[in-house]
Amino acid sequence: MSETRPRILFMGTPEFAVPSLELLVEKAWPIIGVVTQPDRPKGRGQRLVASPVKEAAGRHGLAVLQPEKVRAPAFLEIFSALAPDMVVLVAFGQILPKEMIDGPPLGCVNVHPSLLPRYRGAAPMNWALIRGEEKTGITIMRMDEGVDSGDILLQEETPIEPGETYDHLHDRLAVLGAQCLLRTIEGLAAGTVRPVPQDHSLATFAPRLKKEDGLIRWEAPARAIARFVAGLSSVPGAYTHLDGKVLKVFAAEAEEATPCCEAPGTIIGPDQRGLKIAAGGGYVYLKDIQLESRKRMPVSEFLRGFRFVPGKRLGMEEGKKV
């Protein structure tokens, strides 16, 4: 059976791509190599750290390539010599040149965590949560030279659960993406997949979010703030300021039924739902936080060793960097 299966070059970098690689290995698809980003310095010691995909490839004895740029002539020569039947791309982190997109007989297949053409771009899961979408999903597409604009090979929808955060949605879609990818590859190998062009007039975009984009604006409505926290938890992270220190917020709940007359960002005090904060409309309950130089913990645990002063306002030191 393996002799008739397409030879796959897998390209991916973060944890999101690992379930896809693991499932292809489990199902014995011939992976001729794994391309991932170079090791990067991390932490206070700036120690070089391998990508999650490199670590997964190593566990299975797969050959790993780490080009600084896939457009470099030296890597394109390697790619040409490998002559893959198909390239599978899952959150790789670089834009592919035309030679790589057009070269493989079965094309370049990409796993994208949104219902294309909605949320094209680098941060579809974050933005779907921030904007309060009730559903999202996985699109397997055939790559072209545009940004997530290629023909759709397979698409599967999933509801966004109440209170779901980015971390939880990320893990769910990583598994769903792997399952959809496997079905697509099986269909391409059998010749049963029929590409469907995207309706570009319906496209929306999900630009990359940076650390500084995580600043909570307390004048926003409570529900919008809770969605914002969910969409940035824990990457790149929502935050505010308390007494000159950065206060990261990983989970929050909104209450809009009660009229709010306090200034946005005012600490009302703790109760069973969390630490109550006034918003531009309603209240936000902080449930999972991390104060600068401390561990991340539930608010209930944090309050055992820290006393919030009612009437104090959060977010008064917006110039301080995270």
C-alpha atoms as a PDB file:
ATOM      1  CA  MET A   1       0.000   0.000   0.000  1.00  0.00           C
ATOM      2  CA  SER A   2       2.774   2.454   0.921  1.00  0.00           C
ATOM      3  CA  GLU A   3       4.314   2.162  -2.602  1.00  0.00           C
ATOM      4  CA  THR A   4       1.255   3.861  -4.114  1.00  0.00           C
ATOM      5  CA  ARG A   5       1.005   6.601  -1.536  1.00  0.00           C
ATOM      6  CA  PRO A   6       2.302  10.102  -2.346  1.00  0.00           C
ATOM      7  CA  ARG A   7       5.665  11.091  -0.890  1.00  0.00           C
ATOM      8  CA  ILE A   8       4.999  13.985   1.490  1.00  0.00           C
ATOM      9  CA  LEU A   9       7.219  16.870   2.557  1.00  0.00           C
ATOM     10  CA  PHE A  10       5.783  18.192   5.833  1.00  0.00           C
ATOM     11  CA  MET A  11       6.295  21.856   6.757  1.00  0.00           C
ATOM     12  CA  GLY A  12       5.277  23.200  10.168  1.00  0.00           C
ATOM     13  CA  THR A  13       6.636  24.820  13.303  1.00  0.00           C
ATOM     14  CA  PRO A  14       4.427  25.342  16.409  1.00  0.00           C
ATOM     15  CA  GLU A  15       2.474  23.004  18.658  1.00  0.00           C
ATOM     16  CA  PHE A  16      -0.599  23.427  16.431  1.00  0.00           C
ATOM     17  CA  ALA A  17       1.149  21.444  13.676  1.00  0.00           C
ATOM     18  CA  VAL A  18       2.214  18.493  15.845  1.00  0.00           C
ATOM     19  CA  PRO A  19      -1.098  16.523  15.794  1.00  0.00           C
ATOM     20  CA  SER A  20      -1.074  16.642  11.975  1.00  0.00           C
ATOM     21  CA  LEU A  21       2.472  15.282  11.782  1.00  0.00           C
ATOM     22  CA  GLU A  22       1.776  12.638  14.427  1.00  0.00           C
ATOM     23  CA  LEU A  23      -1.360  11.406  12.645  1.00  0.00           C
ATOM     24  CA  LEU A  24       0.392  11.090   9.273  1.00  0.00           C
ATOM     25  CA  VAL A  25       3.157   9.078  10.947  1.00  0.00           C
ATOM     26  CA  GLU A  26       0.602   6.916  12.772  1.00  0.00           C
ATOM     27  CA  LYS A  27      -1.185   6.152   9.498  1.00  0.00           C
ATOM     28  CA  ALA A  28       2.127   5.305   7.784  1.00  0.00           C
ATOM     29  CA  TRP A  29       2.099   7.989   5.107  1.00  0.00           C
ATOM     30  CA  PRO A  30       5.613   8.297   3.619  1.00  0.00           C
ATOM     31  CA  ILE A  31       7.132  11.525   4.955  1.00  0.00           C
ATOM     32  CA  ILE A  32      10.375  12.214   3.114  1.00  0.00           C
ATOM     33  CA  GLY A  33      11.327  15.155   5.310  1.00  0.00           C
ATOM     34  CA  VAL A  34      10.148  17.738   7.819  1.00  0.00           C
ATOM     35  CA  VAL A  35      10.856  21.429   7.285  1.00  0.00           C
ATOM     36  CA  THR A  36      10.610  23.706  10.312  1.00  0.00           C
ATOM     37  CA  GLN A  37      11.946  27.042  11.499  1.00  0.00           C
ATOM     38  CA  PRO A  38      15.506  27.240  12.872  1.00  0.00           C
ATOM     39  CA  ASP A  39      16.055  26.894  16.623  1.00  0.00           C
ATOM     40  CA  ARG A  40      15.441  30.255  18.310  1.00  0.00           C
ATOM     41  CA  PRO A  41      16.829  31.785  21.538  1.00  0.00           C
ATOM     42  CA  LYS A  42      14.316  31.852  24.381  1.00  0.00           C
ATOM     43  CA  GLY A  43      14.097  32.847  28.015  1.00  0.00           C
ATOM     44  CA  ARG A  44      16.429  34.882  30.167  1.00  0.00           C
ATOM     45  CA  GLY A  45      19.429  32.805  29.195  1.00  0.00           C
ATOM     46  CA  GLN A  46      18.569  33.043  25.479  1.00  0.00           C
ATOM     47  CA  ARG A  47      19.121  29.307  25.105  1.00  0.00           C
ATOM     48  CA  LEU A  48      18.413  27.906  21.642  1.00  0.00           C
ATOM     49  CA  VAL A  49      15.116  26.009  21.659  1.00  0.00           C
ATOM     50  CA  ALA A  50      13.851  23.632  18.978  1.00  0.00           C
ATOM     51  CA  SER A  51      10.352  24.018  17.568  1.00  0.00           C
ATOM     52  CA  PRO A  52       7.653  21.563  18.718  1.00  0.00           C
ATOM     53  CA  VAL A  53       7.568  20.112  15.197  1.00  0.00           C
ATOM     54  CA  LYS A  54      11.322  19.473  15.234  1.00  0.00           C
ATOM     55  CA  GLU A  55      10.978  17.661  18.549  1.00  0.00           C
ATOM     56  CA  ALA A  56       8.099  15.547  17.211  1.00  0.00           C
ATOM     57  CA  ALA A  57      10.039  14.707  14.052  1.00  0.00           C
ATOM     58  CA  GLY A  58      13.007  13.630  16.163  1.00  0.00           C
ATOM     59  CA  ARG A  59      10.837  11.233  18.167  1.00  0.00           C
ATOM     60  CA  HIS A  60       9.940   9.463  14.925  1.00  0.00           C
ATOM     61  CA  GLY A  61      13.390   9.535  13.331  1.00  0.00           C
ATOM     62  CA  LEU A  62      12.328  11.838  10.496  1.00  0.00           C
ATOM     63  CA  ALA A  63      14.853  13.934   8.580  1.00  0.00           C
ATOM     64  CA  VAL A  64      14.614  17.611   9.577  1.00  0.00           C
ATOM     65  CA  LEU A  65      15.496  20.664   7.491  1.00  0.00           C
ATOM     66  CA  GLN A  66      15.679  24.152   9.054  1.00  0.00           C
ATOM     67  CA  PRO A  67      16.284  26.759   6.361  1.00  0.00           C
ATOM     68  CA  GLU A  68      16.477  30.381   7.458  1.00  0.00           C
ATOM     69  CA  LYS A  69      14.657  31.219   4.223  1.00  0.00           C
ATOM     70  CA  VAL A  70      12.842  28.719   1.998  1.00  0.00           C
ATOM     71  CA  ARG A  71      13.333  31.104  -0.926  1.00  0.00           C
ATOM     72  CA  ALA A  72      17.113  30.736  -0.725  1.00  0.00           C
ATOM     73  CA  PRO A  73      18.619  29.020  -3.809  1.00  0.00           C
ATOM     74  CA  ALA A  74      20.383  26.429  -1.640  1.00  0.00           C
ATOM     75  CA  PHE A  75      17.103  25.230  -0.128  1.00  0.00           C
ATOM     76  CA  LEU A  76      15.278  25.290  -3.461  1.00  0.00           C
ATOM     77  CA  GLU A  77      17.955  22.921  -4.794  1.00  0.00           C
ATOM     78  CA  ILE A  78      17.290  20.549  -1.889  1.00  0.00           C
ATOM     79  CA  PHE A  79      13.551  20.822  -2.502  1.00  0.00           C
ATOM     80  CA  SER A  80      14.006  20.000  -6.182  1.00  0.00           C
ATOM     81  CA  ALA A  81      16.150  16.972  -5.329  1.00  0.00           C
ATOM     82  CA  LEU A  82      13.580  15.680  -2.832  1.00  0.00           C
ATOM     83  CA  ALA A  83      10.871  15.941  -5.520  1.00  0.00           C
ATOM     84  CA  PRO A  84       7.885  15.464  -3.174  1.00  0.00           C
ATOM     85  CA  ASP A  85       4.545  14.410  -4.617  1.00  0.00           C
ATOM     86  CA  MET A  86       2.836  16.715  -2.123  1.00  0.00           C
ATOM     87  CA  VAL A  87       3.753  19.437   0.346  1.00  0.00           C
ATOM     88  CA  VAL A  88       1.715  19.652   3.556  1.00  0.00           C
ATOM     89  CA  LEU A  89       1.912  23.016   5.303  1.00  0.00           C
ATOM     90  CA  VAL A  90       0.635  23.543   8.864  1.00  0.00           C
ATOM     91  CA  ALA A  91       1.513  26.884  10.487  1.00  0.00           C
ATOM     92  CA  PHE A  92       5.011  26.903   9.017  1.00  0.00           C
ATOM     93  CA  GLY A  93       5.781  30.596   9.381  1.00  0.00           C
ATOM     94  CA  GLN A  94       7.248  31.527   5.995  1.00  0.00           C
ATOM     95  CA  ILE A  95       5.704  32.375   2.623  1.00  0.00           C
ATOM     96  CA  LEU A  96       6.493  29.764  -0.014  1.00  0.00           C
ATOM     97  CA  PRO A  97       7.917  30.733  -3.412  1.00  0.00           C
ATOM     98  CA  LYS A  98       6.092  29.874  -6.625  1.00  0.00           C
ATOM     99  CA  GLU A  99       8.499  27.014  -7.374  1.00  0.00           C
ATOM    100  CA  MET A 100       7.440  25.171  -4.235  1.00  0.00           C
ATOM    101  CA  ILE A 101       3.729  25.866  -4.691  1.00  0.00           C
ATOM    102  CA  ASP A 102       3.593  24.740  -8.322  1.00  0.00           C
ATOM    103  CA  GLY A 103       6.197  21.963  -8.237  1.00  0.00           C
ATOM    104  CA  PRO A 104       4.579  18.948  -6.509  1.00  0.00           C
ATOM    105  CA  PRO A 105       2.164  16.940  -8.729  1.00  0.00           C
ATOM    106  CA  LEU A 106      -0.478  16.902  -5.967  1.00  0.00           C
ATOM    107  CA  GLY A 107       0.203  20.491  -4.975  1.00  0.00           C
ATOM    108  CA  CYS A 108       0.744  22.232  -1.647  1.00  0.00           C
ATOM    109  CA  VAL A 109      -1.960  21.540   0.930  1.00  0.00           C
ATOM    110  CA  ASN A 110      -2.479  23.937   3.845  1.00  0.00           C
ATOM    111  CA  VAL A 111      -4.362  23.486   7.148  1.00  0.00           C
ATOM    112  CA  HIS A 112      -6.042  26.771   8.137  1.00  0.00           C
ATOM    113  CA  PRO A 113      -8.031  27.187  11.397  1.00  0.00           C
ATOM    114  CA  SER A 114     -11.014  29.159  10.102  1.00  0.00           C
ATOM    115  CA  LEU A 115     -13.917  28.816   7.705  1.00  0.00           C
ATOM    116  CA  LEU A 116     -12.298  30.450   4.694  1.00  0.00           C
ATOM    117  CA  PRO A 117     -12.721  32.922   3.117  1.00  0.00           C
ATOM    118  CA  ARG A 118     -13.409  34.349   6.587  1.00  0.00           C
ATOM    119  CA  TYR A 119     -10.399  35.135   8.782  1.00  0.00           C
ATOM    120  CA  ARG A 120      -7.557  34.877   6.319  1.00  0.00           C
ATOM    121  CA  GLY A 121      -4.218  35.648   7.916  1.00  0.00           C
ATOM    122  CA  ALA A 122      -2.000  34.838  10.874  1.00  0.00           C
ATOM    123  CA  ALA A 123      -4.421  34.944  13.842  1.00  0.00           C
ATOM    124  CA  PRO A 124      -7.815  33.489  12.821  1.00  0.00           C
ATOM    125  CA  MET A 125      -8.570  31.771  16.136  1.00  0.00           C
ATOM    126  CA  ASN A 126      -7.806  34.889  18.181  1.00  0.00           C
ATOM    127  CA  TRP A 127     -10.002  37.136  16.067  1.00  0.00           C
ATOM    128  CA  ALA A 128     -12.911  34.693  15.883  1.00  0.00           C
ATOM    129  CA  LEU A 129     -13.084  34.790  19.693  1.00  0.00           C
ATOM    130  CA  ILE A 130     -12.536  38.546  19.969  1.00  0.00           C
ATOM    131  CA  ARG A 131     -15.354  39.220  17.514  1.00  0.00           C
ATOM    132  CA  GLY A 132     -17.738  36.873  19.265  1.00  0.00           C
ATOM    133  CA  GLU A 133     -18.208  34.312  16.494  1.00  0.00           C
ATOM    134  CA  GLU A 134     -20.451  31.392  17.407  1.00  0.00           C
ATOM    135  CA  LYS A 135     -18.688  28.963  15.088  1.00  0.00           C
ATOM    136  CA  THR A 136     -15.365  28.429  13.380  1.00  0.00           C
ATOM    137  CA  GLY A 137     -13.666  25.409  11.847  1.00  0.00           C
ATOM    138  CA  ILE A 138     -10.908  23.998   9.690  1.00  0.00           C
ATOM    139  CA  THR A 139     -10.286  24.611   6.016  1.00  0.00           C
ATOM    140  CA  ILE A 140      -7.911  22.442   4.017  1.00  0.00           C
ATOM    141  CA  MET A 141      -6.945  24.394   0.938  1.00  0.00           C
ATOM    142  CA  ARG A 142      -4.650  24.069  -2.032  1.00  0.00           C
ATOM    143  CA  MET A 143      -2.132  26.868  -1.756  1.00  0.00           C
ATOM    144  CA  ASP A 144      -1.676  29.597  -4.314  1.00  0.00           C
ATOM    145  CA  GLU A 145       0.464  32.738  -4.216  1.00  0.00           C
ATOM    146  CA  GLY A 146      -2.148  34.753  -2.297  1.00  0.00           C
ATOM    147  CA  VAL A 147      -2.795  34.906   1.446  1.00  0.00           C
ATOM    148  CA  ASP A 148      -5.050  31.947   2.307  1.00  0.00           C
ATOM    149  CA  SER A 149      -6.856  32.440  -1.005  1.00  0.00           C
ATOM    150  CA  GLY A 150      -6.458  29.006  -2.621  1.00  0.00           C
ATOM    151  CA  ASP A 151      -9.181  26.548  -3.579  1.00  0.00           C
ATOM    152  CA  ILE A 152     -10.957  24.748  -0.735  1.00  0.00           C
ATOM    153  CA  LEU A 153     -10.393  20.978  -0.656  1.00  0.00           C
ATOM    154  CA  LEU A 154     -12.289  20.237   2.563  1.00  0.00           C
ATOM    155  CA  GLN A 155     -13.994  22.283   5.263  1.00  0.00           C
ATOM    156  CA  GLU A 156     -15.436  21.282   8.633  1.00  0.00           C
ATOM    157  CA  GLU A 157     -17.355  23.515  11.013  1.00  0.00           C
ATOM    158  CA  THR A 158     -17.333  23.418  14.818  1.00  0.00           C
ATOM    159  CA  PRO A 159     -19.198  25.579  17.365  1.00  0.00           C
ATOM    160  CA  ILE A 160     -17.266  27.902  19.641  1.00  0.00           C
ATOM    161  CA  GLU A 161     -18.196  26.813  23.143  1.00  0.00           C
ATOM    162  CA  PRO A 162     -19.455  29.338  25.742  1.00  0.00           C
ATOM    163  CA  GLY A 163     -16.511  30.711  27.699  1.00  0.00           C
ATOM    164  CA  GLU A 164     -13.963  29.056  25.405  1.00  0.00           C
ATOM    165  CA  THR A 165     -10.495  30.611  25.418  1.00  0.00           C
ATOM    166  CA  TYR A 166      -7.858  30.709  22.718  1.00  0.00           C
ATOM    167  CA  ASP A 167      -5.821  27.962  24.395  1.00  0.00           C
ATOM    168  CA  HIS A 168      -8.756  25.551  24.442  1.00  0.00           C
ATOM    169  CA  LEU A 169      -9.867  26.392  20.897  1.00  0.00           C
ATOM    170  CA  HIS A 170      -6.278  26.046  19.648  1.00  0.00           C
ATOM    171  CA  ASP A 171      -5.988  22.525  21.035  1.00  0.00           C
ATOM    172  CA  ARG A 172      -9.381  21.457  19.665  1.00  0.00           C
ATOM    173  CA  LEU A 173      -8.693  22.804  16.180  1.00  0.00           C
ATOM    174  CA  ALA A 174      -5.200  21.294  16.096  1.00  0.00           C
ATOM    175  CA  VAL A 175      -6.765  17.835  16.485  1.00  0.00           C
ATOM    176  CA  LEU A 176      -9.640  18.581  14.101  1.00  0.00           C
ATOM    177  CA  GLY A 177      -7.152  19.969  11.579  1.00  0.00           C
ATOM    178  CA  ALA A 178      -5.142  16.748  11.672  1.00  0.00           C
ATOM    179  CA  GLN A 179      -8.271  14.670  11.071  1.00  0.00           C
ATOM    180  CA  CYS A 180      -9.377  16.882   8.171  1.00  0.00           C
ATOM    181  CA  LEU A 181      -5.873  16.802   6.689  1.00  0.00           C
ATOM    182  CA  LEU A 182      -5.804  13.003   6.730  1.00  0.00           C
ATOM    183  CA  ARG A 183      -9.176  12.790   4.974  1.00  0.00           C
ATOM    184  CA  THR A 184      -7.999  15.291   2.364  1.00  0.00           C
ATOM    185  CA  ILE A 185      -4.757  13.454   1.629  1.00  0.00           C
ATOM    186  CA  GLU A 186      -6.632  10.179   1.305  1.00  0.00           C
ATOM    187  CA  GLY A 187      -9.037  11.851  -1.119  1.00  0.00           C
ATOM    188  CA  LEU A 188      -6.265  13.443  -3.177  1.00  0.00           C
ATOM    189  CA  ALA A 189      -4.443  10.119  -3.435  1.00  0.00           C
ATOM    190  CA  ALA A 190      -7.677   8.454  -4.576  1.00  0.00           C
ATOM    191  CA  GLY A 191      -8.558  11.281  -6.961  1.00  0.00           C
ATOM    192  CA  THR A 192     -11.901  11.961  -5.269  1.00  0.00           C
ATOM    193  CA  VAL A 193     -11.323  15.522  -4.004  1.00  0.00           C
ATOM    194  CA  ARG A 194     -12.913  18.338  -6.007  1.00  0.00           C
ATOM    195  CA  PRO A 195     -11.413  21.794  -5.333  1.00  0.00           C
ATOM    196  CA  VAL A 196     -13.904  24.634  -4.776  1.00  0.00           C
ATOM    197  CA  PRO A 197     -12.790  28.232  -5.463  1.00  0.00           C
ATOM    198  CA  GLN A 198     -13.222  30.714  -2.620  1.00  0.00           C
ATOM    199  CA  ASP A 199     -15.628  33.631  -2.941  1.00  0.00           C
ATOM    200  CA  HIS A 200     -13.096  36.424  -2.494  1.00  0.00           C
ATOM    201  CA  SER A 201     -15.857  39.021  -2.016  1.00  0.00           C
ATOM    202  CA  LEU A 202     -16.621  37.395   1.365  1.00  0.00           C
ATOM    203  CA  ALA A 203     -13.032  37.488   2.639  1.00  0.00           C
ATOM    204  CA  THR A 204     -12.260  38.912   6.072  1.00  0.00           C
ATOM    205  CA  PHE A 205      -8.831  39.173   7.636  1.00  0.00           C
ATOM    206  CA  ALA A 206      -7.143  38.232  10.908  1.00  0.00           C
ATOM    207  CA  PRO A 207      -3.856  40.146  11.241  1.00  0.00           C
ATOM    208  CA  ARG A 208      -1.108  39.014  13.582  1.00  0.00           C
ATOM    209  CA  LEU A 209      -1.432  40.246  17.176  1.00  0.00           C
ATOM    210  CA  LYS A 210       1.596  41.600  19.028  1.00  0.00           C
ATOM    211  CA  LYS A 211       2.168  41.764  22.791  1.00  0.00           C
ATOM    212  CA  GLU A 212       1.259  45.433  22.945  1.00  0.00           C
ATOM    213  CA  ASP A 213      -2.091  44.682  21.280  1.00  0.00           C
ATOM    214  CA  GLY A 214      -3.181  42.909  24.471  1.00  0.00           C
ATOM    215  CA  LEU A 215      -3.834  46.065  26.512  1.00  0.00           C
ATOM    216  CA  ILE A 216      -7.354  45.963  27.985  1.00  0.00           C
ATOM    217  CA  ARG A 217      -9.424  49.092  27.335  1.00  0.00           C
ATOM    218  CA  TRP A 218     -11.733  49.281  30.331  1.00  0.00           C
ATOM    219  CA  GLU A 219     -14.013  51.809  28.657  1.00  0.00           C
ATOM    220  CA  ALA A 220     -15.206  49.042  26.301  1.00  0.00           C
ATOM    221  CA  PRO A 221     -18.425  47.109  27.100  1.00  0.00           C
ATOM    222  CA  ALA A 222     -18.000  44.242  29.566  1.00  0.00           C
ATOM    223  CA  ARG A 223     -18.907  41.566  27.023  1.00  0.00           C
ATOM    224  CA  ALA A 224     -16.349  42.904  24.544  1.00  0.00           C
ATOM    225  CA  ILE A 225     -13.649  42.864  27.240  1.00  0.00           C
ATOM    226  CA  ALA A 226     -14.449  39.255  28.199  1.00  0.00           C
ATOM    227  CA  ARG A 227     -14.254  38.230  24.526  1.00  0.00           C
ATOM    228  CA  PHE A 228     -10.974  40.131  24.166  1.00  0.00           C
ATOM    229  CA  VAL A 229      -9.462  38.292  27.137  1.00  0.00           C
ATOM    230  CA  ALA A 230     -10.651  34.929  25.779  1.00  0.00           C
ATOM    231  CA  GLY A 231      -9.199  35.662  22.352  1.00  0.00           C
ATOM    232  CA  LEU A 232      -5.771  36.565  23.687  1.00  0.00           C
ATOM    233  CA  SER A 233      -5.452  33.911  26.413  1.00  0.00           C
ATOM    234  CA  SER A 234      -2.669  33.065  26.670  1.00  0.00           C
ATOM    235  CA  VAL A 235      -1.071  34.165  23.364  1.00  0.00           C
ATOM    236  CA  PRO A 236      -0.195  37.007  23.044  1.00  0.00           C
ATOM    237  CA  GLY A 237      -1.974  37.699  26.356  1.00  0.00           C
ATOM    238  CA  ALA A 238      -4.410  40.349  27.631  1.00  0.00           C
ATOM    239  CA  TYR A 239      -3.119  42.678  30.323  1.00  0.00           C
ATOM    240  CA  THR A 240      -3.770  45.801  32.365  1.00  0.00           C
ATOM    241  CA  HIS A 241      -1.809  47.661  35.058  1.00  0.00           C
ATOM    242  CA  LEU A 242      -2.057  47.746  38.842  1.00  0.00           C
ATOM    243  CA  ASP A 243       0.146  49.990  40.998  1.00  0.00           C
ATOM    244  CA  GLY A 244       2.723  50.309  38.233  1.00  0.00           C
ATOM    245  CA  LYS A 245       2.898  46.567  37.578  1.00  0.00           C
ATOM    246  CA  VAL A 246       1.620  44.525  34.657  1.00  0.00           C
ATOM    247  CA  LEU A 247      -1.411  42.403  35.535  1.00  0.00           C
ATOM    248  CA  LYS A 248      -2.055  39.656  32.982  1.00  0.00           C
ATOM    249  CA  VAL A 249      -5.616  38.387  32.646  1.00  0.00           C
ATOM    250  CA  PHE A 250      -6.229  34.874  31.306  1.00  0.00           C
ATOM    251  CA  ALA A 251      -9.941  34.408  31.990  1.00  0.00           C
ATOM    252  CA  ALA A 252     -12.801  36.807  32.632  1.00  0.00           C
ATOM    253  CA  GLU A 253     -16.587  36.824  32.728  1.00  0.00           C
ATOM    254  CA  ALA A 254     -18.969  39.638  31.789  1.00  0.00           C
ATOM    255  CA  GLU A 255     -22.055  40.956  33.545  1.00  0.00           C
ATOM    256  CA  GLU A 256     -24.045  43.484  31.556  1.00  0.00           C
ATOM    257  CA  ALA A 257     -27.394  43.333  33.377  1.00  0.00           C
ATOM    258  CA  THR A 258     -26.329  45.644  36.198  1.00  0.00           C
ATOM    259  CA  PRO A 259     -26.066  49.361  35.365  1.00  0.00           C
ATOM    260  CA  CYS A 260     -22.491  50.543  35.856  1.00  0.00           C
ATOM    261  CA  CYS A 261     -21.873  54.022  37.199  1.00  0.00           C
ATOM    262  CA  GLU A 262     -18.237  53.696  38.390  1.00  0.00           C
ATOM    263  CA  ALA A 263     -15.332  54.875  36.232  1.00  0.00           C
ATOM    264  CA  PRO A 264     -14.062  52.177  33.839  1.00  0.00           C
ATOM    265  CA  GLY A 265     -11.341  50.073  35.456  1.00  0.00           C
ATOM    266  CA  THR A 266     -12.531  50.701  39.025  1.00  0.00           C
ATOM    267  CA  ILE A 267     -12.040  47.747  41.384  1.00  0.00           C
ATOM    268  CA  ILE A 268     -15.382  46.952  43.035  1.00  0.00           C
ATOM    269  CA  GLY A 269     -14.111  43.989  45.050  1.00  0.00           C
ATOM    270  CA  PRO A 270     -14.090  40.185  45.141  1.00  0.00           C
ATOM    271  CA  ASP A 271     -17.130  37.927  45.144  1.00  0.00           C
ATOM    272  CA  GLN A 272     -17.918  34.317  44.191  1.00  0.00           C
ATOM    273  CA  ARG A 273     -17.577  35.016  40.457  1.00  0.00           C
ATOM    274  CA  GLY A 274     -14.141  36.639  40.701  1.00  0.00           C
ATOM    275  CA  LEU A 275     -12.669  40.097  41.156  1.00  0.00           C
ATOM    276  CA  LYS A 276     -15.319  42.582  40.022  1.00  0.00           C
ATOM    277  CA  ILE A 277     -14.139  45.470  37.819  1.00  0.00           C
ATOM    278  CA  ALA A 278     -16.237  48.271  36.314  1.00  0.00           C
ATOM    279  CA  ALA A 279     -16.246  48.474  32.519  1.00  0.00           C
ATOM    280  CA  GLY A 280     -17.614  50.985  30.030  1.00  0.00           C
ATOM    281  CA  GLY A 281     -20.891  49.105  30.212  1.00  0.00           C
ATOM    282  CA  GLY A 282     -21.449  46.517  32.928  1.00  0.00           C
ATOM    283  CA  TYR A 283     -18.851  44.663  34.969  1.00  0.00           C
ATOM    284  CA  VAL A 284     -16.019  42.233  34.283  1.00  0.00           C
ATOM    285  CA  TYR A 285     -15.073  39.475  36.725  1.00  0.00           C
ATOM    286  CA  LEU A 286     -11.382  38.548  36.604  1.00  0.00           C
ATOM    287  CA  LYS A 287     -10.986  34.820  37.223  1.00  0.00           C
ATOM    288  CA  ASP A 288      -7.411  33.847  36.293  1.00  0.00           C
ATOM    289  CA  ILE A 289      -4.567  36.378  36.605  1.00  0.00           C
ATOM    290  CA  GLN A 290      -0.830  36.879  36.995  1.00  0.00           C
ATOM    291  CA  LEU A 291       0.706  39.944  38.596  1.00  0.00           C
ATOM    292  CA  GLU A 292       4.177  40.900  37.432  1.00  0.00           C
ATOM    293  CA  SER A 293       6.884  38.840  39.211  1.00  0.00           C
ATOM    294  CA  ARG A 294       4.280  36.366  40.549  1.00  0.00           C
ATOM    295  CA  LYS A 295       2.875  33.032  39.373  1.00  0.00           C
ATOM    296  CA  ARG A 296      -0.287  32.667  37.345  1.00  0.00           C
ATOM    297  CA  MET A 297      -3.186  31.574  39.565  1.00  0.00           C
ATOM    298  CA  PRO A 298      -6.966  31.712  40.030  1.00  0.00           C
ATOM    299  CA  VAL A 299      -8.171  34.994  41.536  1.00  0.00           C
ATOM    300  CA  SER A 300      -9.490  33.141  44.599  1.00  0.00           C
ATOM    301  CA  GLU A 301      -5.980  31.914  45.380  1.00  0.00           C
ATOM    302  CA  PHE A 302      -4.365  35.247  44.557  1.00  0.00           C
ATOM    303  CA  LEU A 303      -6.636  37.088  46.974  1.00  0.00           C
ATOM    304  CA  ARG A 304      -5.374  35.019  49.907  1.00  0.00           C
ATOM    305  CA  GLY A 305      -2.077  36.857  49.740  1.00  0.00           C
ATOM    306  CA  PHE A 306      -2.985  40.157  48.103  1.00  0.00           C
ATOM    307  CA  ARG A 307      -5.590  42.739  49.052  1.00  0.00           C
ATOM    308  CA  PHE A 308      -7.207  44.751  46.271  1.00  0.00           C
ATOM    309  CA  VAL A 309      -8.389  48.158  47.450  1.00  0.00           C
ATOM    310  CA  PRO A 310     -11.974  48.917  46.356  1.00  0.00           C
ATOM    311  CA  GLY A 311     -12.126  52.165  44.383  1.00  0.00           C
ATOM    312  CA  LYS A 312      -8.613  51.822  42.972  1.00  0.00           C
ATOM    313  CA  ARG A 313      -8.537  51.842  39.164  1.00  0.00           C
ATOM    314  CA  LEU A 314      -6.791  49.401  36.863  1.00  0.00           C
ATOM    315  CA  GLY A 315      -5.089  50.487  33.662  1.00  0.00           C
ATOM    316  CA  MET A 316      -3.692  53.805  34.836  1.00  0.00           C
ATOM    317  CA  GLU A 317      -0.086  53.146  33.681  1.00  0.00           C
ATOM    318  CA  GLU A 318      -0.619  52.451  29.984  1.00  0.00           C
ATOM    319  CA  GLY A 319       2.909  53.406  29.006  1.00  0.00           C
ATOM    320  CA  LYS A 320       4.485  50.477  30.849  1.00  0.00           C
ATOM    321  CA  LYS A 321       5.562  47.638  28.536  1.00  0.00           C
ATOM    322  CA  VAL A 322       4.713  43.983  29.031  1.00  0.00           C
END
